[in-house]
Protein backbone atom coordinates (compact mmCIF):
# COMPACT_ATOMS: atom_id res chain seq x y z
CA MET A 1 7.44 -5.32 6.56
CA LEU A 2 10.24 -5.13 4.01
CA LEU A 3 10.61 -6.51 0.63
CA PRO A 4 14.02 -7.76 -0.32
CA HIS A 5 16.35 -4.95 -1.15
CA GLU A 6 16.88 -6.23 -4.71
CA VAL A 7 13.21 -6.38 -5.37
CA MET A 8 12.50 -2.92 -3.77
CA GLY A 9 15.04 -1.26 -5.91
CA CYS A 10 13.32 -2.38 -8.90
CA ILE A 11 9.97 -1.20 -7.76
CA TYR A 12 11.49 2.24 -7.11
CA ASP A 13 13.02 2.32 -10.56
CA PHE A 14 9.39 1.32 -11.71
CA ASP A 15 10.32 -1.29 -14.42
CA ARG A 16 6.97 -1.92 -15.94
CA GLN A 17 7.64 -5.64 -16.73
CA LEU A 18 8.58 -6.22 -13.08
CA PHE A 19 5.68 -4.05 -12.02
CA HIS A 20 3.17 -6.39 -13.71
CA LYS A 21 4.93 -9.44 -12.35
CA PHE A 22 4.33 -8.13 -8.71
CA PHE A 23 0.77 -6.77 -9.58
CA GLY A 24 -0.59 -10.11 -11.03
CA THR A 25 -1.14 -13.22 -9.07
CA PRO A 26 1.39 -14.47 -6.68
CA GLU A 27 2.50 -17.31 -8.95
CA ALA A 28 3.17 -14.72 -11.71
CA ILE A 29 6.27 -13.54 -9.72
CA CYS A 30 8.07 -16.74 -10.30
CA THR A 31 7.14 -17.33 -14.01
CA HIS A 32 9.75 -15.17 -15.52
CA ARG A 33 13.43 -15.12 -14.62
CA ASP A 34 14.80 -11.60 -13.95
CA SER A 35 18.59 -11.24 -13.93
CA ARG A 36 18.38 -8.24 -11.36
CA ILE A 37 16.61 -10.57 -8.74
CA LEU A 38 19.10 -12.81 -6.81
CA PRO A 39 18.49 -16.61 -6.99
CA ALA A 40 17.84 -16.58 -3.23
CA HIS A 41 14.93 -14.21 -3.63
CA GLU A 42 13.53 -15.73 -6.94
CA ASN A 43 10.68 -17.59 -5.37
CA VAL A 44 10.06 -15.19 -2.36
CA ARG A 45 6.96 -13.07 -2.84
CA PHE A 46 7.95 -10.95 0.11
CA ALA A 47 10.11 -11.20 3.22
CA LEU A 48 10.16 -10.02 6.72
CA VAL A 49 13.35 -9.20 8.62
CA VAL A 50 12.54 -9.57 12.32
CA GLN A 51 15.05 -8.91 15.22
CA SER A 52 14.78 -11.64 17.92
CA PRO A 53 16.53 -11.82 21.26
CA SER A 54 17.57 -15.47 20.55
CA CYS A 55 19.17 -14.70 17.14
CA SER A 56 20.27 -11.69 15.27
CA ALA A 57 17.55 -11.92 12.56
CA TRP A 58 15.12 -14.29 11.05
CA LEU A 59 14.23 -14.08 7.34
CA CYS A 60 10.54 -15.04 7.06
CA SER A 61 9.15 -15.88 3.65
CA GLY A 62 5.43 -15.30 3.56
CA ASN A 63 2.72 -15.25 6.32
CA ASN A 64 2.73 -18.88 7.27
CA GLU A 65 6.45 -18.86 8.36
CA PHE A 66 6.06 -15.59 10.26
CA VAL A 67 3.13 -17.13 12.10
CA ARG A 68 4.91 -20.35 12.94
CA ILE A 69 7.92 -18.36 14.44
CA HIS A 70 6.24 -15.39 16.16
CA GLY A 71 2.53 -16.51 16.55
CA ARG A 72 -0.63 -14.82 15.24
CA SER A 73 -1.23 -11.16 15.52
CA PRO A 74 -3.40 -10.26 18.39
CA PHE A 75 -5.63 -8.37 16.03
CA ALA A 76 -6.44 -11.64 14.20
CA ASP A 77 -7.63 -13.36 17.48
CA LEU A 78 -9.85 -10.58 18.42
CA SER A 79 -11.46 -10.65 15.08
CA ILE A 80 -12.50 -6.99 15.28
CA LEU A 81 -12.43 -5.66 11.77
CA PRO A 82 -10.93 -2.16 11.53
CA ASP A 83 -13.09 0.42 9.83
CA VAL A 84 -11.70 0.84 6.36
CA MET A 85 -13.59 4.11 5.92
CA HIS A 86 -11.68 5.89 8.75
CA ILE A 87 -8.31 4.19 8.09
CA VAL A 88 -8.30 4.54 4.32
CA HIS A 89 -10.79 7.16 3.15
CA LEU A 90 -10.36 9.63 5.89
CA ALA A 91 -6.68 9.23 6.68
CA CYS A 92 -4.33 7.46 4.22
CA LEU A 93 -6.10 8.53 1.07
CA VAL A 94 -6.47 12.08 2.27
CA ASP A 95 -2.69 12.31 2.82
CA VAL A 96 -2.22 11.02 -0.71
CA VAL A 97 -4.59 13.59 -2.22
CA THR A 98 -3.22 16.66 -0.40
CA SER A 99 0.43 15.72 -1.05
CA MET A 100 -0.24 15.02 -4.81
CA LEU A 101 -2.08 18.24 -5.20
CA LEU A 102 0.81 20.16 -3.68
CA ASP A 103 3.41 18.41 -5.68
CA LEU A 104 1.49 18.94 -8.99
CA SER A 105 0.91 22.70 -8.16
CA ASP A 106 4.44 23.44 -7.23
CA THR A 107 5.56 24.15 -10.86
CA GLN A 108 3.80 24.76 -14.15
CA PHE A 109 3.83 21.12 -14.95
CA PRO A 110 1.29 19.67 -15.65
CA TRP A 111 -0.89 22.68 -14.90
CA PRO A 112 0.07 26.01 -16.18
CA GLY A 113 -0.33 29.24 -14.14
CA SER A 114 1.48 32.02 -12.42
CA SER A 115 0.42 31.11 -8.96
CA ARG A 116 -0.61 27.90 -7.01
CA ASP A 117 -4.17 28.83 -7.05
CA SER A 118 -4.33 29.35 -10.81
CA ARG A 119 -2.69 26.07 -11.33
CA LEU A 120 -4.99 24.29 -8.91
CA GLU A 121 -7.91 25.78 -10.82
CA HIS A 122 -6.78 23.73 -13.86
CA GLY A 123 -6.70 20.82 -11.59
CA TRP A 124 -10.19 21.44 -10.44
CA ARG A 125 -11.37 21.63 -14.00
CA ALA A 126 -9.76 18.27 -14.75
CA TYR A 127 -11.27 16.64 -11.82
CA LYS A 128 -14.77 18.15 -12.41
CA GLY A 129 -14.59 16.97 -16.09
CA TYR A 130 -13.65 13.45 -15.10
CA CYS A 131 -16.50 13.27 -12.60
CA GLN A 132 -18.93 14.46 -15.14
CA LYS A 133 -17.71 12.06 -17.85
CA TRP A 134 -18.11 9.02 -15.48
CA GLY A 135 -21.26 10.25 -13.62
CA ILE A 136 -19.58 10.46 -10.17
CA VAL A 137 -22.06 12.16 -7.78
CA ASP A 138 -19.79 12.02 -4.57
CA ARG A 139 -17.18 14.68 -5.39
CA ALA A 140 -14.74 16.81 -3.31
CA GLU A 141 -15.53 20.41 -2.81
CA ARG A 142 -14.06 23.12 -4.94
CA LYS A 143 -12.24 24.53 -1.97
CA LEU A 144 -9.99 21.50 -1.86
CA PHE A 145 -8.29 22.91 -4.95
CA THR A 146 -7.09 26.14 -3.24
CA ASN A 147 -3.93 27.25 -1.45
CA GLU A 148 -6.15 28.20 1.46
CA ALA A 149 -7.14 24.65 2.03
CA LEU A 150 -3.87 23.00 1.26
CA LYS A 151 -1.66 25.76 2.94
CA ALA A 152 1.48 24.40 1.24
CA ASP A 153 2.40 23.04 4.60
CA TYR A 154 1.52 20.13 6.78
CA ALA A 155 -1.95 19.81 5.09
CA THR A 156 -4.91 18.69 7.18
CA VAL A 157 -8.26 18.83 5.17
CA SER A 158 -11.74 19.07 6.87
CA GLN A 159 -14.26 16.37 5.93
CA LYS A 160 -16.48 19.29 4.88
CA ILE A 161 -14.05 19.65 1.95
CA LEU A 162 -13.26 16.11 1.14
CA ARG A 163 -15.71 13.44 2.60
CA ALA A 164 -14.89 9.77 2.68
CA ALA A 165 -17.30 8.94 -0.07
CA ALA A 166 -15.66 11.49 -2.41
CA ALA A 167 -12.13 10.37 -1.55
CA LYS A 168 -13.19 6.75 -2.33
CA TYR A 169 -13.81 7.88 -6.03
CA MET A 170 -11.09 10.42 -6.26
CA VAL A 171 -8.40 7.87 -6.36
CA PHE A 172 -9.72 6.83 -9.79
CA TRP A 173 -9.30 10.34 -11.12
CA LEU A 174 -5.71 10.53 -9.61
CA HIS A 175 -4.74 7.22 -11.18
CA ASP A 176 -6.03 8.53 -14.64
CA LEU A 177 -4.06 11.62 -14.16
CA MET A 178 -0.86 10.01 -13.18
CA GLU A 179 -0.80 7.22 -15.65
CA ASN A 180 1.32 9.12 -18.04
CA LEU A 181 3.01 11.79 -15.74
CA LEU A 182 4.73 10.35 -12.76
CA GLN A 183 5.29 6.56 -12.47
CA LEU A 184 6.34 6.43 -8.82
CA ILE A 185 3.15 8.16 -7.69
CA LEU A 186 1.31 6.00 -10.06
CA GLY A 187 2.42 3.04 -8.02
CA VAL A 188 0.72 4.61 -4.87
CA VAL A 189 -2.59 5.29 -6.62
CA THR A 190 -2.68 1.99 -8.47
CA GLY A 191 -2.25 0.07 -5.34
CA LEU A 192 -5.02 1.98 -3.67
CA MET A 193 -7.35 1.94 -6.73
CA HIS A 194 -7.23 -1.80 -7.05
CA PHE A 195 -7.72 -2.18 -3.31
CA GLU A 196 -10.97 -0.20 -3.69
CA GLN A 197 -12.03 -2.06 -6.85
CA THR A 198 -11.65 -5.39 -5.34
CA GLN A 199 -13.91 -4.35 -2.56
CA MET A 200 -16.52 -2.74 -4.76
CA GLN A 201 -16.68 -5.54 -7.34
CA ASN A 202 -16.95 -8.56 -4.91
CA GLY A 203 -19.26 -9.81 -2.10
CA ARG A 204 -18.98 -10.08 1.62
CA TYR A 205 -16.21 -12.79 1.52
CA PHE A 206 -13.15 -12.96 -0.76
CA THR A 207 -11.73 -15.83 -2.66
CA GLU A 208 -8.11 -16.73 -2.12
CA ASP A 209 -7.11 -15.04 -5.37
CA GLN A 210 -8.87 -11.79 -4.42
CA CYS A 211 -7.06 -11.86 -1.04
CA ARG A 212 -3.70 -12.17 -2.81
CA PHE A 213 -4.64 -9.51 -5.10
CA CYS A 214 -5.38 -7.10 -2.35
CA GLU A 215 -2.17 -8.18 -0.61
CA SER A 216 -0.22 -7.31 -3.75
CA ALA A 217 -2.00 -4.01 -4.18
CA TYR A 218 -1.06 -3.05 -0.54
CA TYR A 219 2.61 -3.88 -0.97
CA LEU A 220 2.70 -1.77 -4.14
CA TYR A 221 1.08 1.13 -2.26
CA ARG A 222 3.49 0.94 0.66
CA ALA A 223 6.56 0.32 -1.33
CA SER A 224 5.90 3.37 -3.55
CA TYR A 225 4.53 5.48 -0.66
CA ASP A 226 7.62 4.81 1.59
CA ARG A 227 9.91 5.94 -1.10
CA LEU A 228 8.02 9.13 -1.77
CA ALA A 229 8.07 9.71 2.00
CA SER A 230 11.90 9.36 2.15
CA MET A 231 12.37 11.74 -0.69
CA ALA A 232 10.17 14.33 0.80
CA LEU A 233 12.04 14.02 4.20
CA ALA A 234 15.27 14.37 2.38
CA GLN A 235 13.99 17.54 0.75
CA GLY A 236 12.52 19.05 3.95
CA ASN A 237 9.05 18.89 2.62
CA PRO A 238 6.21 17.92 5.20
CA ARG A 239 4.45 15.71 2.67
CA TRP A 240 3.79 12.04 2.26
CA LYS A 241 3.36 11.63 5.88
CA VAL A 242 3.88 8.17 7.61
CA ARG A 243 1.21 7.61 10.18
CA PRO A 244 -0.03 4.77 12.56
CA LYS A 245 -3.06 4.20 10.52
CA GLN A 246 -1.02 2.87 7.63
CA HIS A 247 0.12 0.20 10.03
CA MET A 248 -3.42 -0.48 11.01
CA LEU A 249 -4.15 -0.86 7.22
CA GLU A 250 -1.55 -3.46 7.16
CA HIS A 251 -3.28 -5.35 9.97
CA GLU A 252 -6.60 -5.06 8.01
CA VAL A 253 -5.02 -6.56 4.82
CA MET A 254 -2.97 -9.38 6.65
CA ASP A 255 -5.21 -10.22 9.50
CA PHE A 256 -8.69 -9.75 8.12
CA MET A 257 -8.73 -9.78 4.32
CA CYS A 258 -6.18 -12.47 3.92
CA GLU A 259 -6.83 -14.47 7.14
CA HIS A 260 -10.64 -14.31 7.54
CA ARG A 261 -11.32 -13.19 3.71
CA LEU A 262 -13.75 -10.49 4.91
CA ASN A 263 -14.55 -7.65 2.64
CA PRO A 264 -14.13 -4.55 4.77
CA ARG A 265 -16.56 -2.62 2.60
CA TYR A 266 -19.49 -4.33 4.33
CA SER A 267 -18.30 -3.10 7.78
CA ALA A 268 -18.02 0.68 6.78
CA ASN A 269 -21.00 2.94 7.26
CA TYR A 270 -20.54 5.94 4.98
CA MET A 271 -23.79 7.52 6.32
CA GLY A 272 -21.98 7.92 9.80
CA GLU A 273 -18.75 9.69 8.88
CA ASP A 274 -19.24 12.27 11.53
CA ALA A 275 -19.91 9.66 14.31
CA VAL A 276 -16.74 10.21 16.12
CA ARG A 277 -17.15 14.04 16.22
CA ARG A 278 -20.74 13.67 17.50
CA ILE A 279 -19.62 11.33 20.28
CA LYS A 280 -16.89 13.68 21.25
CA GLN A 281 -19.50 16.54 21.51
CA LEU A 282 -21.70 14.41 23.48
CA ALA A 283 -19.00 13.51 25.95
CA ILE A 284 -18.08 17.14 26.50
CA ALA A 285 -21.79 17.89 27.18
CA SER A 286 -22.44 15.00 29.48
CA HIS A 287 -22.09 15.01 33.22
CA PRO A 288 -19.20 12.93 34.44
CA ASN A 289 -21.39 10.50 36.35
CA HIS A 290 -23.21 9.64 33.16
CA LEU A 291 -20.43 10.06 30.46
CA SER A 292 -19.70 6.35 29.89
CA ARG A 293 -23.30 5.45 29.53
CA HIS A 294 -24.25 8.20 27.24
CA VAL A 295 -21.20 7.61 24.86
CA THR A 296 -22.01 3.82 24.90
CA LEU A 297 -25.55 4.30 24.00
CA LYS A 298 -24.72 6.73 21.28
């Protein structure tokens, strides 16, 4: 999914006025004339450029036109709600956290210190103080803020260090930290934070406005994240990874939250974070003749 080039450029430059236009209700985008947006795109909230065998390209403005031309996504017809915990809190958000901690500890800004570990120590104190201030019980482990855990490479963090329940609240600390530091990264954590806020503060079903708000938050997250991923790739840094679960998150937002108005928080079981690991262990221990039955019962 691609925003028009003229609009994407403004998001990358992070103009605050345009940011608030996109971050508000869909109608807010068209309430103010911006000279940097071409007239053809003035009333377009987002656009999809799709290659088609019958024509060179279609420009689809909004969900309805895309569905009219290409049909519904198979995910929407199956109505199987993806698990927001495994998609966001154990994958997308963990990538954000590890990449941000590495970026922030590369130099002595904003945390001073002669080594990465000493700078991460300052980060840990800031995070711990934030959790104590707001009474957040679900916290990441101290080991997350170490060079041993992050490895300054293609970071993969164990759930023992950063659980899904802790990642869910960590995005609020990251937003507070980034608000006055790095505006492009602020776009990533703002999108994720408002995505979480909307789920936490509402019931099982969303209103139309809440669906549009989540959609805007997702676009802000992806636009900012994709830009950071391109910058990291150009610099040869294995950070800000682009993974298939980000595409699954897109289906969750477009096909379930916006189409069926379902709040994914009610389908996520945070008591069973390790269910996949236990099922794999059970599969290894099972006799081949009974493998399918044991895993299904589990």
